[in-house]
């Protein structure tokens, strides 16, 4: 009889333990937030089994445990500071934690650990990588050697650069003209420049020959710069000097274009002498 009762108690206890489950149903960790912003980490979970209650929710960045929520405590929230980690305690809950003013130092593998109460202490764990990005401090459209406003005569090369300075990781740059993407043949990727802090300055060149791409007397150029979730655009307008068309047609018929403006290629800019430029393929020579 004793043996039967003991076996029944053990079986009931075993059944109680096996009924207890912990499941993380959703883990939200921003993949590439921008530096200087607050970030919310979310860990939603489900506790299964009769009478199964929460023991703790723990958050880690690598080996650093920076937040604990203890379900049975009168004061359940406990936050700890580390390099790049500052918790907004009053805004954090059992299933979310808010990090203040994230920086490059915040980056790492973040882990949510959910544990049910004893004696089984069922546990579930999930991890995600977060890499904090540094947006460029400036994004500018530049026209080497030319004053503004930007005027071009027919047969002159329009040469523009879009430069994003001081980003990490590097900025992805893209050009459009009058709202339309341009072919790769009109683009030139300059070598990146990296400073001592690992911040990257990137430049993408755009080139075409007037009057191509102009609509009437103008063309709107736009550069889009993207780093992680951050994205911004900057635009400028270039103008076509249609008053030069008659002169251009006259000289072009003989293969000559008279000009005193600066001529630029991807290797630099030169100021012509008083004379004529002869157009050979993609370049000019002075006679």
C-alpha atoms as a PDB file:
ATOM      1  CA  UNK A   1       0.000   0.000   0.000  1.00  0.00           C
ATOM      2  CA  UNK A   2       2.819   2.410   0.917  1.00  0.00           C
ATOM      3  CA  UNK A   3       4.618   1.529  -2.269  1.00  0.00           C
ATOM      4  CA  UNK A   4       1.523   2.228  -4.329  1.00  0.00           C
ATOM      5  CA  UNK A   5       0.898   5.628  -2.699  1.00  0.00           C
ATOM      6  CA  UNK A   6       4.577   6.617  -3.059  1.00  0.00           C
ATOM      7  CA  UNK A   7       4.585   5.668  -6.710  1.00  0.00           C
ATOM      8  CA  UNK A   8       1.422   7.676  -7.252  1.00  0.00           C
ATOM      9  CA  UNK A   9       2.949  10.786  -5.631  1.00  0.00           C
ATOM     10  CA  UNK A  10       6.118  10.467  -7.724  1.00  0.00           C
ATOM     11  CA  UNK A  11       4.076  10.038 -10.884  1.00  0.00           C
ATOM     12  CA  UNK A  12       1.954  13.078 -10.026  1.00  0.00           C
ATOM     13  CA  UNK A  13       5.063  15.146  -9.328  1.00  0.00           C
ATOM     14  CA  UNK A  14       6.669  14.007 -12.573  1.00  0.00           C
ATOM     15  CA  UNK A  15       3.503  14.871 -14.429  1.00  0.00           C
ATOM     16  CA  UNK A  16       3.434  18.315 -12.790  1.00  0.00           C
ATOM     17  CA  UNK A  17       7.032  19.043 -13.840  1.00  0.00           C
ATOM     18  CA  UNK A  18       6.560  17.887 -17.414  1.00  0.00           C
ATOM     19  CA  UNK A  19       3.457  20.059 -17.742  1.00  0.00           C
ATOM     20  CA  UNK A  20       5.510  23.188 -17.045  1.00  0.00           C
ATOM     21  CA  UNK A  21       6.785  24.889 -20.201  1.00  0.00           C
ATOM     22  CA  UNK A  22       8.387  28.203 -21.130  1.00  0.00           C
ATOM     23  CA  UNK A  23       8.302  29.482 -24.698  1.00  0.00           C
ATOM     24  CA  UNK A  24       9.666  32.751 -26.107  1.00  0.00           C
ATOM     25  CA  UNK A  25       7.142  33.674 -28.787  1.00  0.00           C
ATOM     26  CA  UNK A  26       8.818  36.838 -30.095  1.00  0.00           C
ATOM     27  CA  UNK A  27      12.222  38.506 -29.718  1.00  0.00           C
ATOM     28  CA  UNK A  28      12.582  42.007 -31.145  1.00  0.00           C
ATOM     29  CA  UNK A  29      16.084  43.491 -31.213  1.00  0.00           C
ATOM     30  CA  UNK A  30      16.693  46.273 -33.774  1.00  0.00           C
ATOM     31  CA  UNK A  31      19.304  45.070 -36.228  1.00  0.00           C
ATOM     32  CA  UNK A  32      20.965  48.406 -37.007  1.00  0.00           C
ATOM     33  CA  UNK A  33      19.633  51.346 -34.980  1.00  0.00           C
ATOM     34  CA  UNK A  34      21.248  54.768 -35.313  1.00  0.00           C
ATOM     35  CA  UNK A  35      23.542  56.109 -32.615  1.00  0.00           C
ATOM     36  CA  UNK A  36      21.998  58.700 -30.306  1.00  0.00           C
ATOM     37  CA  UNK A  37      18.527  57.128 -30.201  1.00  0.00           C
ATOM     38  CA  UNK A  38      16.713  55.173 -27.509  1.00  0.00           C
ATOM     39  CA  UNK A  39      16.089  51.522 -28.362  1.00  0.00           C
ATOM     40  CA  UNK A  40      13.386  49.161 -27.106  1.00  0.00           C
ATOM     41  CA  UNK A  41      14.150  45.444 -26.809  1.00  0.00           C
ATOM     42  CA  UNK A  42      11.115  43.152 -26.590  1.00  0.00           C
ATOM     43  CA  UNK A  43      10.890  39.540 -25.416  1.00  0.00           C
ATOM     44  CA  UNK A  44       7.371  38.100 -25.409  1.00  0.00           C
ATOM     45  CA  UNK A  45       6.863  34.693 -23.815  1.00  0.00           C
ATOM     46  CA  UNK A  46       4.307  32.102 -22.794  1.00  0.00           C
ATOM     47  CA  UNK A  47       4.280  30.026 -19.602  1.00  0.00           C
ATOM     48  CA  UNK A  48       2.522  26.680 -19.941  1.00  0.00           C
ATOM     49  CA  UNK A  49       1.141  24.328 -17.287  1.00  0.00           C
ATOM     50  CA  UNK A  50      -1.245  24.768 -14.344  1.00  0.00           C
ATOM     51  CA  UNK A  51      -0.106  27.255 -11.738  1.00  0.00           C
ATOM     52  CA  UNK A  52       3.090  28.035 -13.621  1.00  0.00           C
ATOM     53  CA  UNK A  53       4.361  31.517 -12.726  1.00  0.00           C
ATOM     54  CA  UNK A  54       7.254  33.685 -13.857  1.00  0.00           C
ATOM     55  CA  UNK A  55      10.464  33.570 -11.852  1.00  0.00           C
ATOM     56  CA  UNK A  56      12.760  35.924 -13.802  1.00  0.00           C
ATOM     57  CA  UNK A  57      13.361  37.564 -17.170  1.00  0.00           C
ATOM     58  CA  UNK A  58      17.058  38.309 -17.715  1.00  0.00           C
ATOM     59  CA  UNK A  59      18.653  40.398 -20.443  1.00  0.00           C
ATOM     60  CA  UNK A  60      22.292  40.041 -21.449  1.00  0.00           C
ATOM     61  CA  UNK A  61      24.677  41.735 -23.854  1.00  0.00           C
ATOM     62  CA  UNK A  62      27.446  39.190 -24.287  1.00  0.00           C
ATOM     63  CA  UNK A  63      28.490  38.310 -20.716  1.00  0.00           C
ATOM     64  CA  UNK A  64      26.945  41.459 -19.230  1.00  0.00           C
ATOM     65  CA  UNK A  65      23.588  40.981 -17.503  1.00  0.00           C
ATOM     66  CA  UNK A  66      22.057  44.448 -17.625  1.00  0.00           C
ATOM     67  CA  UNK A  67      18.388  43.898 -16.686  1.00  0.00           C
ATOM     68  CA  UNK A  68      16.397  41.487 -14.521  1.00  0.00           C
ATOM     69  CA  UNK A  69      12.686  41.346 -13.901  1.00  0.00           C
ATOM     70  CA  UNK A  70      11.692  39.141 -10.951  1.00  0.00           C
ATOM     71  CA  UNK A  71       8.025  38.296 -11.148  1.00  0.00           C
ATOM     72  CA  UNK A  72       7.450  37.536  -7.459  1.00  0.00           C
ATOM     73  CA  UNK A  73       9.301  40.547  -5.986  1.00  0.00           C
ATOM     74  CA  UNK A  74       7.697  43.670  -4.551  1.00  0.00           C
ATOM     75  CA  UNK A  75      10.329  45.651  -6.514  1.00  0.00           C
ATOM     76  CA  UNK A  76      10.723  43.463  -9.604  1.00  0.00           C
ATOM     77  CA  UNK A  77      13.034  45.658 -11.746  1.00  0.00           C
ATOM     78  CA  UNK A  78      16.816  45.588 -11.428  1.00  0.00           C
ATOM     79  CA  UNK A  79      19.068  47.403 -13.914  1.00  0.00           C
ATOM     80  CA  UNK A  80      22.869  47.458 -14.270  1.00  0.00           C
ATOM     81  CA  UNK A  81      25.056  49.811 -16.320  1.00  0.00           C
ATOM     82  CA  UNK A  82      27.889  48.773 -18.621  1.00  0.00           C
ATOM     83  CA  UNK A  83      29.838  50.458 -21.397  1.00  0.00           C
ATOM     84  CA  UNK A  84      27.241  51.503 -23.966  1.00  0.00           C
ATOM     85  CA  UNK A  85      24.368  50.180 -21.808  1.00  0.00           C
ATOM     86  CA  UNK A  86      22.080  52.438 -19.767  1.00  0.00           C
ATOM     87  CA  UNK A  87      18.595  51.155 -18.957  1.00  0.00           C
ATOM     88  CA  UNK A  88      15.553  53.432 -18.660  1.00  0.00           C
ATOM     89  CA  UNK A  89      14.206  51.533 -15.680  1.00  0.00           C
ATOM     90  CA  UNK A  90      10.880  53.336 -15.351  1.00  0.00           C
ATOM     91  CA  UNK A  91      10.021  52.579 -19.007  1.00  0.00           C
ATOM     92  CA  UNK A  92      10.998  48.888 -18.850  1.00  0.00           C
ATOM     93  CA  UNK A  93       8.642  45.996 -18.032  1.00  0.00           C
ATOM     94  CA  UNK A  94       8.604  42.213 -17.762  1.00  0.00           C
ATOM     95  CA  UNK A  95       8.658  41.804 -21.557  1.00  0.00           C
ATOM     96  CA  UNK A  96      10.551  44.898 -22.720  1.00  0.00           C
ATOM     97  CA  UNK A  97      13.596  46.958 -21.773  1.00  0.00           C
ATOM     98  CA  UNK A  98      14.505  50.443 -22.997  1.00  0.00           C
ATOM     99  CA  UNK A  99      18.140  51.419 -23.621  1.00  0.00           C
ATOM    100  CA  UNK A 100      19.051  55.099 -23.455  1.00  0.00           C
ATOM    101  CA  UNK A 101      21.047  56.896 -26.153  1.00  0.00           C
ATOM    102  CA  UNK A 102      22.722  53.894 -27.776  1.00  0.00           C
ATOM    103  CA  UNK A 103      26.204  54.200 -29.286  1.00  0.00           C
ATOM    104  CA  UNK A 104      28.728  52.079 -31.166  1.00  0.00           C
ATOM    105  CA  UNK A 105      29.728  50.610 -27.785  1.00  0.00           C
ATOM    106  CA  UNK A 106      26.183  49.236 -27.358  1.00  0.00           C
ATOM    107  CA  UNK A 107      26.598  46.786 -30.227  1.00  0.00           C
ATOM    108  CA  UNK A 108      26.723  43.064 -29.504  1.00  0.00           C
ATOM    109  CA  UNK A 109      24.744  39.840 -29.176  1.00  0.00           C
ATOM    110  CA  UNK A 110      21.664  40.382 -27.004  1.00  0.00           C
ATOM    111  CA  UNK A 111      20.058  37.493 -25.140  1.00  0.00           C
ATOM    112  CA  UNK A 112      16.678  37.165 -23.485  1.00  0.00           C
ATOM    113  CA  UNK A 113      16.364  34.420 -20.853  1.00  0.00           C
ATOM    114  CA  UNK A 114      12.938  33.593 -19.411  1.00  0.00           C
ATOM    115  CA  UNK A 115      12.726  31.283 -16.392  1.00  0.00           C
ATOM    116  CA  UNK A 116       9.641  29.800 -14.730  1.00  0.00           C
ATOM    117  CA  UNK A 117       9.452  29.399 -10.968  1.00  0.00           C
ATOM    118  CA  UNK A 118      10.796  26.362  -9.082  1.00  0.00           C
ATOM    119  CA  UNK A 119      11.171  23.636  -8.470  1.00  0.00           C
ATOM    120  CA  UNK A 120      11.333  22.934 -12.222  1.00  0.00           C
ATOM    121  CA  UNK A 121      12.809  26.345 -13.280  1.00  0.00           C
ATOM    122  CA  UNK A 122      11.970  25.725 -16.919  1.00  0.00           C
ATOM    123  CA  UNK A 123      14.006  28.111 -19.091  1.00  0.00           C
ATOM    124  CA  UNK A 124      13.882  29.466 -22.647  1.00  0.00           C
ATOM    125  CA  UNK A 125      16.612  31.509 -24.355  1.00  0.00           C
ATOM    126  CA  UNK A 126      16.852  33.456 -27.619  1.00  0.00           C
ATOM    127  CA  UNK A 127      19.562  35.747 -29.016  1.00  0.00           C
ATOM    128  CA  UNK A 128      19.907  38.408 -31.709  1.00  0.00           C
ATOM    129  CA  UNK A 129      22.741  40.613 -32.962  1.00  0.00           C
ATOM    130  CA  UNK A 130      22.472  44.390 -32.834  1.00  0.00           C
ATOM    131  CA  UNK A 131      24.999  46.666 -34.576  1.00  0.00           C
ATOM    132  CA  UNK A 132      24.559  50.361 -33.844  1.00  0.00           C
ATOM    133  CA  UNK A 133      25.259  52.501 -36.898  1.00  0.00           C
ATOM    134  CA  UNK A 134      26.667  56.025 -37.071  1.00  0.00           C
ATOM    135  CA  UNK A 135      24.871  58.124 -39.729  1.00  0.00           C
ATOM    136  CA  UNK A 136      27.034  60.406 -41.877  1.00  0.00           C
ATOM    137  CA  UNK A 137      27.570  63.830 -40.317  1.00  0.00           C
ATOM    138  CA  UNK A 138      26.928  65.386 -43.731  1.00  0.00           C
ATOM    139  CA  UNK A 139      25.785  64.393 -47.226  1.00  0.00           C
ATOM    140  CA  UNK A 140      26.659  66.875 -49.966  1.00  0.00           C
ATOM    141  CA  UNK A 141      26.425  67.180 -53.737  1.00  0.00           C
ATOM    142  CA  UNK A 142      29.579  68.799 -55.089  1.00  0.00           C
ATOM    143  CA  UNK A 143      30.600  70.005 -58.547  1.00  0.00           C
ATOM    144  CA  UNK A 144      34.421  70.120 -58.716  1.00  0.00           C
ATOM    145  CA  UNK A 145      35.727  73.452 -59.960  1.00  0.00           C
ATOM    146  CA  UNK A 146      32.351  74.990 -60.834  1.00  0.00           C
ATOM    147  CA  UNK A 147      30.562  77.958 -59.245  1.00  0.00           C
ATOM    148  CA  UNK A 148      26.873  77.866 -58.448  1.00  0.00           C
ATOM    149  CA  UNK A 149      24.335  77.956 -59.926  1.00  0.00           C
ATOM    150  CA  UNK A 150      25.506  75.078 -62.093  1.00  0.00           C
ATOM    151  CA  UNK A 151      25.269  75.941 -65.804  1.00  0.00           C
ATOM    152  CA  UNK A 152      26.396  73.642 -68.618  1.00  0.00           C
ATOM    153  CA  UNK A 153      26.596  74.146 -72.362  1.00  0.00           C
ATOM    154  CA  UNK A 154      25.742  71.470 -74.897  1.00  0.00           C
ATOM    155  CA  UNK A 155      28.565  68.894 -75.229  1.00  0.00           C
ATOM    156  CA  UNK A 156      29.975  69.776 -71.810  1.00  0.00           C
ATOM    157  CA  UNK A 157      30.330  66.958 -69.286  1.00  0.00           C
ATOM    158  CA  UNK A 158      28.187  67.277 -66.174  1.00  0.00           C
ATOM    159  CA  UNK A 159      30.407  65.975 -63.378  1.00  0.00           C
ATOM    160  CA  UNK A 160      28.965  65.746 -59.869  1.00  0.00           C
ATOM    161  CA  UNK A 161      30.037  63.986 -56.680  1.00  0.00           C
ATOM    162  CA  UNK A 162      27.888  62.902 -53.764  1.00  0.00           C
ATOM    163  CA  UNK A 163      29.946  62.634 -50.562  1.00  0.00           C
ATOM    164  CA  UNK A 164      28.814  61.196 -47.218  1.00  0.00           C
ATOM    165  CA  UNK A 165      31.242  61.956 -44.402  1.00  0.00           C
ATOM    166  CA  UNK A 166      31.936  60.182 -41.134  1.00  0.00           C
ATOM    167  CA  UNK A 167      29.609  57.147 -41.199  1.00  0.00           C
ATOM    168  CA  UNK A 168      30.036  53.680 -39.736  1.00  0.00           C
ATOM    169  CA  UNK A 169      29.693  51.326 -41.492  1.00  0.00           C
ATOM    170  CA  UNK A 170      30.149  52.893 -44.939  1.00  0.00           C
ATOM    171  CA  UNK A 171      27.267  54.749 -46.547  1.00  0.00           C
ATOM    172  CA  UNK A 172      25.468  53.223 -49.531  1.00  0.00           C
ATOM    173  CA  UNK A 173      24.985  55.988 -52.117  1.00  0.00           C
ATOM    174  CA  UNK A 174      22.629  56.092 -55.105  1.00  0.00           C
ATOM    175  CA  UNK A 175      21.897  58.741 -57.754  1.00  0.00           C
ATOM    176  CA  UNK A 176      18.709  59.637 -59.599  1.00  0.00           C
ATOM    177  CA  UNK A 177      18.197  62.297 -62.288  1.00  0.00           C
ATOM    178  CA  UNK A 178      14.694  63.751 -62.606  1.00  0.00           C
ATOM    179  CA  UNK A 179      13.454  60.941 -60.372  1.00  0.00           C
ATOM    180  CA  UNK A 180      14.887  58.162 -62.549  1.00  0.00           C
ATOM    181  CA  UNK A 181      17.793  55.848 -61.782  1.00  0.00           C
ATOM    182  CA  UNK A 182      20.884  56.211 -63.950  1.00  0.00           C
ATOM    183  CA  UNK A 183      22.889  53.458 -65.578  1.00  0.00           C
ATOM    184  CA  UNK A 184      26.052  52.143 -63.993  1.00  0.00           C
ATOM    185  CA  UNK A 185      28.054  53.545 -66.921  1.00  0.00           C
ATOM    186  CA  UNK A 186      27.299  57.052 -65.629  1.00  0.00           C
ATOM    187  CA  UNK A 187      28.614  56.294 -62.109  1.00  0.00           C
ATOM    188  CA  UNK A 188      32.086  56.245 -60.615  1.00  0.00           C
ATOM    189  CA  UNK A 189      32.849  54.865 -57.136  1.00  0.00           C
ATOM    190  CA  UNK A 190      35.779  56.598 -55.460  1.00  0.00           C
ATOM    191  CA  UNK A 191      37.895  54.811 -52.861  1.00  0.00           C
ATOM    192  CA  UNK A 192      36.596  55.162 -49.292  1.00  0.00           C
ATOM    193  CA  UNK A 193      38.559  57.139 -46.713  1.00  0.00           C
ATOM    194  CA  UNK A 194      38.623  55.815 -43.129  1.00  0.00           C
ATOM    195  CA  UNK A 195      39.614  57.891 -40.092  1.00  0.00           C
ATOM    196  CA  UNK A 196      41.211  56.729 -36.840  1.00  0.00           C
ATOM    197  CA  UNK A 197      37.817  55.958 -35.282  1.00  0.00           C
ATOM    198  CA  UNK A 198      36.794  53.780 -38.190  1.00  0.00           C
ATOM    199  CA  UNK A 199      34.374  56.364 -39.585  1.00  0.00           C
ATOM    200  CA  UNK A 200      34.083  56.163 -43.366  1.00  0.00           C
ATOM    201  CA  UNK A 201      33.801  58.933 -45.962  1.00  0.00           C
ATOM    202  CA  UNK A 202      32.320  57.654 -49.235  1.00  0.00           C
ATOM    203  CA  UNK A 203      31.943  59.398 -52.606  1.00  0.00           C
ATOM    204  CA  UNK A 204      29.941  58.345 -55.662  1.00  0.00           C
ATOM    205  CA  UNK A 205      30.463  60.294 -58.878  1.00  0.00           C
ATOM    206  CA  UNK A 206      27.850  60.982 -61.558  1.00  0.00           C
ATOM    207  CA  UNK A 207      28.720  61.939 -65.135  1.00  0.00           C
ATOM    208  CA  UNK A 208      26.815  62.601 -68.331  1.00  0.00           C
ATOM    209  CA  UNK A 209      27.088  64.876 -71.353  1.00  0.00           C
ATOM    210  CA  UNK A 210      24.725  67.775 -71.888  1.00  0.00           C
ATOM    211  CA  UNK A 211      22.091  68.066 -73.223  1.00  0.00           C
ATOM    212  CA  UNK A 212      21.294  64.445 -72.224  1.00  0.00           C
ATOM    213  CA  UNK A 213      18.970  64.030 -69.213  1.00  0.00           C
ATOM    214  CA  UNK A 214      17.909  67.703 -69.240  1.00  0.00           C
ATOM    215  CA  UNK A 215      14.193  68.391 -69.309  1.00  0.00           C
ATOM    216  CA  UNK A 216      13.885  71.769 -70.905  1.00  0.00           C
ATOM    217  CA  UNK A 217      16.652  73.843 -69.375  1.00  0.00           C
ATOM    218  CA  UNK A 218      17.127  71.961 -66.125  1.00  0.00           C
ATOM    219  CA  UNK A 219      17.756  68.602 -64.503  1.00  0.00           C
ATOM    220  CA  UNK A 220      17.165  67.692 -60.869  1.00  0.00           C
ATOM    221  CA  UNK A 221      19.795  65.413 -59.370  1.00  0.00           C
ATOM    222  CA  UNK A 222      19.197  63.554 -56.112  1.00  0.00           C
ATOM    223  CA  UNK A 223      21.580  61.524 -53.987  1.00  0.00           C
ATOM    224  CA  UNK A 224      20.258  59.015 -51.466  1.00  0.00           C
ATOM    225  CA  UNK A 225      22.492  57.980 -48.566  1.00  0.00           C
ATOM    226  CA  UNK A 226      21.690  54.894 -46.467  1.00  0.00           C
ATOM    227  CA  UNK A 227      23.368  53.355 -43.422  1.00  0.00           C
ATOM    228  CA  UNK A 228      21.445  50.547 -41.769  1.00  0.00           C
ATOM    229  CA  UNK A 229      17.948  51.817 -40.978  1.00  0.00           C
ATOM    230  CA  UNK A 230      19.020  55.437 -41.535  1.00  0.00           C
ATOM    231  CA  UNK A 231      18.328  57.063 -44.895  1.00  0.00           C
ATOM    232  CA  UNK A 232      18.393  60.623 -46.197  1.00  0.00           C
ATOM    233  CA  UNK A 233      18.371  62.430 -49.544  1.00  0.00           C
ATOM    234  CA  UNK A 234      19.843  65.658 -50.851  1.00  0.00           C
ATOM    235  CA  UNK A 235      19.036  67.305 -54.187  1.00  0.00           C
ATOM    236  CA  UNK A 236      20.387  69.989 -56.498  1.00  0.00           C
ATOM    237  CA  UNK A 237      19.492  71.513 -59.849  1.00  0.00           C
ATOM    238  CA  UNK A 238      21.730  71.870 -62.898  1.00  0.00           C
ATOM    239  CA  UNK A 239      20.876  74.170 -65.802  1.00  0.00           C
ATOM    240  CA  UNK A 240      21.379  73.988 -69.551  1.00  0.00           C
ATOM    241  CA  UNK A 241      22.687  77.108 -71.306  1.00  0.00           C
ATOM    242  CA  UNK A 242      20.434  76.968 -74.351  1.00  0.00           C
ATOM    243  CA  UNK A 243      21.724  80.368 -75.528  1.00  0.00           C
ATOM    244  CA  UNK A 244      24.938  78.586 -76.455  1.00  0.00           C
ATOM    245  CA  UNK A 245      23.142  76.113 -78.715  1.00  0.00           C
ATOM    246  CA  UNK A 246      23.577  78.175 -81.876  1.00  0.00           C
ATOM    247  CA  UNK A 247      27.291  78.659 -81.232  1.00  0.00           C
ATOM    248  CA  UNK A 248      27.607  74.991 -80.350  1.00  0.00           C
ATOM    249  CA  UNK A 249      25.899  73.876 -83.561  1.00  0.00           C
ATOM    250  CA  UNK A 250      28.166  76.137 -85.624  1.00  0.00           C
ATOM    251  CA  UNK A 251      31.428  74.927 -84.124  1.00  0.00           C
ATOM    252  CA  UNK A 252      30.295  71.324 -83.686  1.00  0.00           C
ATOM    253  CA  UNK A 253      29.655  71.060 -87.401  1.00  0.00           C
ATOM    254  CA  UNK A 254      33.400  71.490 -87.882  1.00  0.00           C
ATOM    255  CA  UNK A 255      34.293  69.348 -84.936  1.00  0.00           C
ATOM    256  CA  UNK A 256      35.223  72.297 -82.666  1.00  0.00           C
ATOM    257  CA  UNK A 257      33.688  73.677 -79.497  1.00  0.00           C
ATOM    258  CA  UNK A 258      34.887  77.041 -78.213  1.00  0.00           C
ATOM    259  CA  UNK A 259      34.846  77.354 -74.434  1.00  0.00           C
ATOM    260  CA  UNK A 260      36.612  79.113 -71.594  1.00  0.00           C
ATOM    261  CA  UNK A 261      34.991  77.121 -68.790  1.00  0.00           C
ATOM    262  CA  UNK A 262      36.704  74.538 -66.604  1.00  0.00           C
ATOM    263  CA  UNK A 263      36.658  71.017 -68.043  1.00  0.00           C
ATOM    264  CA  UNK A 264      36.531  68.106 -65.569  1.00  0.00           C
ATOM    265  CA  UNK A 265      37.069  64.390 -65.753  1.00  0.00           C
ATOM    266  CA  UNK A 266      37.163  61.838 -62.962  1.00  0.00           C
ATOM    267  CA  UNK A 267      40.919  62.388 -62.689  1.00  0.00           C
ATOM    268  CA  UNK A 268      40.604  66.150 -62.101  1.00  0.00           C
ATOM    269  CA  UNK A 269      39.804  69.497 -63.671  1.00  0.00           C
ATOM    270  CA  UNK A 270      41.793  71.755 -66.012  1.00  0.00           C
ATOM    271  CA  UNK A 271      41.205  75.294 -67.230  1.00  0.00           C
ATOM    272  CA  UNK A 272      41.589  75.613 -71.010  1.00  0.00           C
ATOM    273  CA  UNK A 273      43.697  78.180 -72.825  1.00  0.00           C
ATOM    274  CA  UNK A 274      42.099  80.680 -75.106  1.00  0.00           C
ATOM    275  CA  UNK A 275      41.466  78.395 -78.026  1.00  0.00           C
ATOM    276  CA  UNK A 276      39.336  75.502 -79.156  1.00  0.00           C
ATOM    277  CA  UNK A 277      38.625  72.183 -77.583  1.00  0.00           C
ATOM    278  CA  UNK A 278      38.596  69.255 -79.988  1.00  0.00           C
ATOM    279  CA  UNK A 279      36.373  66.425 -78.864  1.00  0.00           C
ATOM    280  CA  UNK A 280      37.953  62.969 -79.207  1.00  0.00           C
ATOM    281  CA  UNK A 281      35.757  60.187 -77.746  1.00  0.00           C
ATOM    282  CA  UNK A 282      35.410  60.882 -73.999  1.00  0.00           C
ATOM    283  CA  UNK A 283      38.012  63.664 -73.718  1.00  0.00           C
ATOM    284  CA  UNK A 284      39.069  67.058 -75.056  1.00  0.00           C
ATOM    285  CA  UNK A 285      42.307  68.506 -76.393  1.00  0.00           C
ATOM    286  CA  UNK A 286      43.324  72.133 -76.870  1.00  0.00           C
ATOM    287  CA  UNK A 287      44.454  73.583 -80.201  1.00  0.00           C
END
